[in-house]
C-alpha cells in the first residue's frame, strides 16, 4: 500500500507562507507545499521536532480572512539542506475550521 492509498484526505499543491505563533510569543514562518483537510506539508531550514504542537495561522491572499489551526508534527519528510520538509496533522478541528479549509481547498483547486 502506497502513502497515497493510505491518505484519508486528498492533498492539493498549496504554496503560501504560514505563520507559527509560539507559546513564548515568537513568530516563525514556514512555506507550505501541500494542504488537505487533515494536515499540510511545510518547509523550513529548521523544522520543529516530531511531536511538537504548533499553532499555525493561515492567511488567504487578497482577502481579510485568516484562521488559526492547531497541528502536530508527525514526521520529517526529507527535502534539501535549505528547505527541509515536515508533515503536520491538524488537531482540535471544529466545524468553522473545517469549513474554512474546505473553502480554501476548493479555491486552490479551481485556480
Protein backbone atom coordinates (compact mmCIF):
# COMPACT_ATOMS: atom_id res chain seq x y z
CA UNK A 1 0.00 0.00 0.00
CA UNK A 2 1.44 3.39 -1.01
CA UNK A 3 1.32 6.58 1.03
CA UNK A 4 -1.29 7.97 -1.37
CA UNK A 5 -3.53 4.93 -0.80
CA UNK A 6 -3.29 5.34 2.99
CA UNK A 7 -4.22 9.02 2.97
CA UNK A 8 -7.64 9.80 4.34
CA UNK A 9 -7.85 13.20 2.61
CA UNK A 10 -6.69 14.15 -0.89
CA UNK A 11 -3.88 16.71 -0.96
CA UNK A 12 -3.53 19.64 -3.32
CA UNK A 13 -0.46 21.73 -4.11
CA UNK A 14 -0.64 24.84 -1.95
CA UNK A 15 2.21 27.35 -1.83
CA UNK A 16 1.71 30.00 0.83
CA UNK A 17 3.52 31.42 3.83
CA UNK A 18 2.20 30.04 7.12
CA UNK A 19 2.80 31.74 10.47
CA UNK A 20 3.52 29.81 13.64
CA UNK A 21 2.82 31.63 16.89
CA UNK A 22 4.85 30.01 19.66
CA UNK A 23 3.76 29.88 23.28
CA UNK A 24 6.67 32.24 24.07
CA UNK A 25 5.22 34.82 21.69
CA UNK A 26 7.78 34.48 18.90
CA UNK A 27 6.71 34.22 15.28
CA UNK A 28 8.15 31.78 12.71
CA UNK A 29 7.25 31.38 9.05
CA UNK A 30 7.04 28.16 7.04
CA UNK A 31 6.36 27.66 3.35
CA UNK A 32 3.50 25.27 2.66
CA UNK A 33 3.86 22.71 -0.13
CA UNK A 34 0.50 20.95 0.02
CA UNK A 35 -2.71 21.03 2.00
CA UNK A 36 -5.60 18.72 2.88
CA UNK A 37 -8.41 18.67 5.42
CA UNK A 38 -6.17 16.52 7.62
CA UNK A 39 -2.91 18.44 7.52
CA UNK A 40 -0.19 20.02 5.45
CA UNK A 41 3.38 19.64 4.28
CA UNK A 42 5.62 22.54 5.27
CA UNK A 43 9.21 23.56 4.53
CA UNK A 44 11.74 25.26 6.80
CA UNK A 45 15.50 25.43 7.28
CA UNK A 46 14.94 24.24 10.86
CA UNK A 47 11.76 22.19 11.19
CA UNK A 48 10.27 21.58 14.63
CA UNK A 49 10.79 18.21 16.28
CA UNK A 50 8.38 15.35 15.57
CA UNK A 51 5.66 15.50 18.21
CA UNK A 52 5.81 19.32 18.52
CA UNK A 53 2.47 21.05 18.81
CA UNK A 54 2.11 24.11 16.57
CA UNK A 55 -0.31 27.00 16.45
CA UNK A 56 -0.50 27.85 12.75
CA UNK A 57 -2.16 30.84 11.14
CA UNK A 58 -3.30 30.55 7.53
CA UNK A 59 -3.82 33.79 5.67
CA UNK A 60 -5.85 33.83 2.46
CA UNK A 61 -4.12 36.06 -0.09
CA UNK A 62 -6.08 39.08 -1.34
CA UNK A 63 -8.66 38.60 1.42
CA UNK A 64 -9.04 39.58 5.04
CA UNK A 65 -9.72 36.00 6.16
CA UNK A 66 -7.33 34.21 8.49
CA UNK A 67 -7.67 31.05 10.53
CA UNK A 68 -5.62 29.65 13.38
CA UNK A 69 -5.22 25.88 13.40
CA UNK A 70 -3.61 23.56 15.91
CA UNK A 71 -1.24 21.00 14.46
CA UNK A 72 1.22 18.32 15.47
CA UNK A 73 4.42 17.50 13.58
CA UNK A 74 4.03 13.83 12.62
CA UNK A 75 7.16 13.26 10.53
CA UNK A 76 10.13 14.81 8.81
CA UNK A 77 9.87 14.26 5.07
CA UNK A 78 13.30 14.92 3.56
CA UNK A 79 14.00 17.89 1.34
CA UNK A 80 17.21 19.88 0.93
CA UNK A 81 19.56 21.49 3.44
CA UNK A 82 17.86 24.88 2.91
CA UNK A 83 14.33 23.51 2.63
CA UNK A 84 13.62 20.61 4.96
CA UNK A 85 10.10 19.23 4.75
CA UNK A 86 7.85 18.20 7.61
CA UNK A 87 4.28 16.96 7.82
CA UNK A 88 1.72 18.43 10.21
CA UNK A 89 -1.56 16.78 11.19
CA UNK A 90 -4.36 19.14 12.20
CA UNK A 91 -5.80 18.55 15.66
CA UNK A 92 -8.74 20.01 17.62
CA UNK A 93 -10.74 20.79 14.48
CA UNK A 94 -14.26 22.22 14.68
CA UNK A 95 -16.90 23.00 12.04
CA UNK A 96 -15.64 26.56 11.49
CA UNK A 97 -12.06 25.40 10.82
CA UNK A 98 -13.18 22.53 8.59
CA UNK A 99 -15.38 24.91 6.59
CA UNK A 100 -12.51 27.38 6.22
CA UNK A 101 -10.22 24.62 4.91
CA UNK A 102 -12.89 23.31 2.53
CA UNK A 103 -13.30 26.81 1.05
CA UNK A 104 -9.53 27.22 0.78
CA UNK A 105 -9.10 23.84 -0.89
CA UNK A 106 -11.94 24.49 -3.36
CA UNK A 107 -10.46 27.88 -4.26
CA UNK A 108 -6.97 26.45 -4.73
CA UNK A 109 -8.25 23.54 -6.83
CA UNK A 110 -10.19 25.92 -9.09
CA UNK A 111 -7.16 28.11 -9.83
